[in-house]
């Protein structure tokens, strides 16, 4: 697991449990449709799995020039 993950918040964190909100803030997602790039580590993968119903995650593909 090496590389970059692009994570986008696609559903609102309103009415969600505080644990979910803390996970989203920890990833840097504070507003709807905001995208952050995170290192692909087991801890980040675990955070994504906890809030998978609120986010969209995809691997960033490096462009070869």
C-alpha atoms as a PDB file:
ATOM      1  CA  UNK A   1       0.000   0.000   0.000  1.00  0.00           C
ATOM      2  CA  UNK A   2       1.765   3.046  -1.211  1.00  0.00           C
ATOM      3  CA  UNK A   3       0.447   6.008  -3.049  1.00  0.00           C
ATOM      4  CA  UNK A   4      -2.219   8.626  -2.697  1.00  0.00           C
ATOM      5  CA  UNK A   5      -5.964   8.347  -2.096  1.00  0.00           C
ATOM      6  CA  UNK A   6      -8.427  11.040  -3.157  1.00  0.00           C
ATOM      7  CA  UNK A   7     -11.267  11.215  -0.628  1.00  0.00           C
ATOM      8  CA  UNK A   8     -14.387  13.319  -1.251  1.00  0.00           C
ATOM      9  CA  UNK A   9     -17.185  14.057   1.228  1.00  0.00           C
ATOM     10  CA  UNK A  10     -20.418  13.264  -0.653  1.00  0.00           C
ATOM     11  CA  UNK A  11     -22.984  13.232   2.169  1.00  0.00           C
ATOM     12  CA  UNK A  12     -23.485  15.724   4.957  1.00  0.00           C
ATOM     13  CA  UNK A  13     -22.246  15.029   8.457  1.00  0.00           C
ATOM     14  CA  UNK A  14     -25.350  16.664   9.937  1.00  0.00           C
ATOM     15  CA  UNK A  15     -27.215  14.261  12.279  1.00  0.00           C
ATOM     16  CA  UNK A  16     -24.275  11.824  12.223  1.00  0.00           C
ATOM     17  CA  UNK A  17     -22.699  10.520  15.440  1.00  0.00           C
ATOM     18  CA  UNK A  18     -19.857  12.539  16.920  1.00  0.00           C
ATOM     19  CA  UNK A  19     -17.416   9.672  16.243  1.00  0.00           C
ATOM     20  CA  UNK A  20     -18.095   9.972  12.502  1.00  0.00           C
ATOM     21  CA  UNK A  21     -17.667  13.745  12.621  1.00  0.00           C
ATOM     22  CA  UNK A  22     -14.312  13.394  14.377  1.00  0.00           C
ATOM     23  CA  UNK A  23     -13.100  10.921  11.768  1.00  0.00           C
ATOM     24  CA  UNK A  24     -14.109  13.270   8.945  1.00  0.00           C
ATOM     25  CA  UNK A  25     -12.429  16.260  10.603  1.00  0.00           C
ATOM     26  CA  UNK A  26      -9.327  14.149  11.187  1.00  0.00           C
ATOM     27  CA  UNK A  27      -9.145  13.497   7.459  1.00  0.00           C
ATOM     28  CA  UNK A  28      -9.580  17.222   6.739  1.00  0.00           C
ATOM     29  CA  UNK A  29     -13.112  16.986   5.362  1.00  0.00           C
ATOM     30  CA  UNK A  30     -15.232  19.824   6.711  1.00  0.00           C
ATOM     31  CA  UNK A  31     -17.518  20.807   3.830  1.00  0.00           C
ATOM     32  CA  UNK A  32     -19.635  18.896   1.360  1.00  0.00           C
ATOM     33  CA  UNK A  33     -17.909  17.997  -1.949  1.00  0.00           C
ATOM     34  CA  UNK A  34     -14.477  18.875  -0.574  1.00  0.00           C
ATOM     35  CA  UNK A  35     -11.667  16.577  -1.737  1.00  0.00           C
ATOM     36  CA  UNK A  36      -8.448  15.832   0.109  1.00  0.00           C
ATOM     37  CA  UNK A  37      -5.454  13.756  -0.899  1.00  0.00           C
ATOM     38  CA  UNK A  38      -4.161  11.419   1.797  1.00  0.00           C
ATOM     39  CA  UNK A  39      -1.327   8.918   1.948  1.00  0.00           C
ATOM     40  CA  UNK A  40      -2.467   5.347   1.471  1.00  0.00           C
ATOM     41  CA  UNK A  41      -1.781   3.888   4.927  1.00  0.00           C
ATOM     42  CA  UNK A  42      -3.644   1.291   7.004  1.00  0.00           C
ATOM     43  CA  UNK A  43      -4.842   3.979   9.433  1.00  0.00           C
ATOM     44  CA  UNK A  44      -6.322   6.106   6.642  1.00  0.00           C
ATOM     45  CA  UNK A  45      -7.957   3.014   5.125  1.00  0.00           C
ATOM     46  CA  UNK A  46      -9.513   2.296   8.537  1.00  0.00           C
ATOM     47  CA  UNK A  47     -10.852   5.846   8.786  1.00  0.00           C
ATOM     48  CA  UNK A  48     -12.376   5.552   5.320  1.00  0.00           C
ATOM     49  CA  UNK A  49     -14.039   2.251   6.197  1.00  0.00           C
ATOM     50  CA  UNK A  50     -15.688   3.810   9.290  1.00  0.00           C
ATOM     51  CA  UNK A  51     -17.368   6.524   7.204  1.00  0.00           C
ATOM     52  CA  UNK A  52     -17.588   4.755   3.845  1.00  0.00           C
ATOM     53  CA  UNK A  53     -21.275   5.659   3.559  1.00  0.00           C
ATOM     54  CA  UNK A  54     -20.371   9.378   3.643  1.00  0.00           C
ATOM     55  CA  UNK A  55     -17.289   9.537   1.417  1.00  0.00           C
ATOM     56  CA  UNK A  56     -16.068   8.495  -2.019  1.00  0.00           C
ATOM     57  CA  UNK A  57     -12.474   7.240  -2.138  1.00  0.00           C
ATOM     58  CA  UNK A  58     -10.377   6.541  -5.206  1.00  0.00           C
ATOM     59  CA  UNK A  59      -6.728   5.918  -5.890  1.00  0.00           C
ATOM     60  CA  UNK A  60      -4.932   8.782  -7.542  1.00  0.00           C
ATOM     61  CA  UNK A  61      -3.406   7.777 -10.851  1.00  0.00           C
ATOM     62  CA  UNK A  62      -0.098   9.415 -11.619  1.00  0.00           C
ATOM     63  CA  UNK A  63       0.191  10.828 -15.107  1.00  0.00           C
ATOM     64  CA  UNK A  64       3.256   9.713 -17.013  1.00  0.00           C
ATOM     65  CA  UNK A  65       4.862  12.495 -19.020  1.00  0.00           C
END
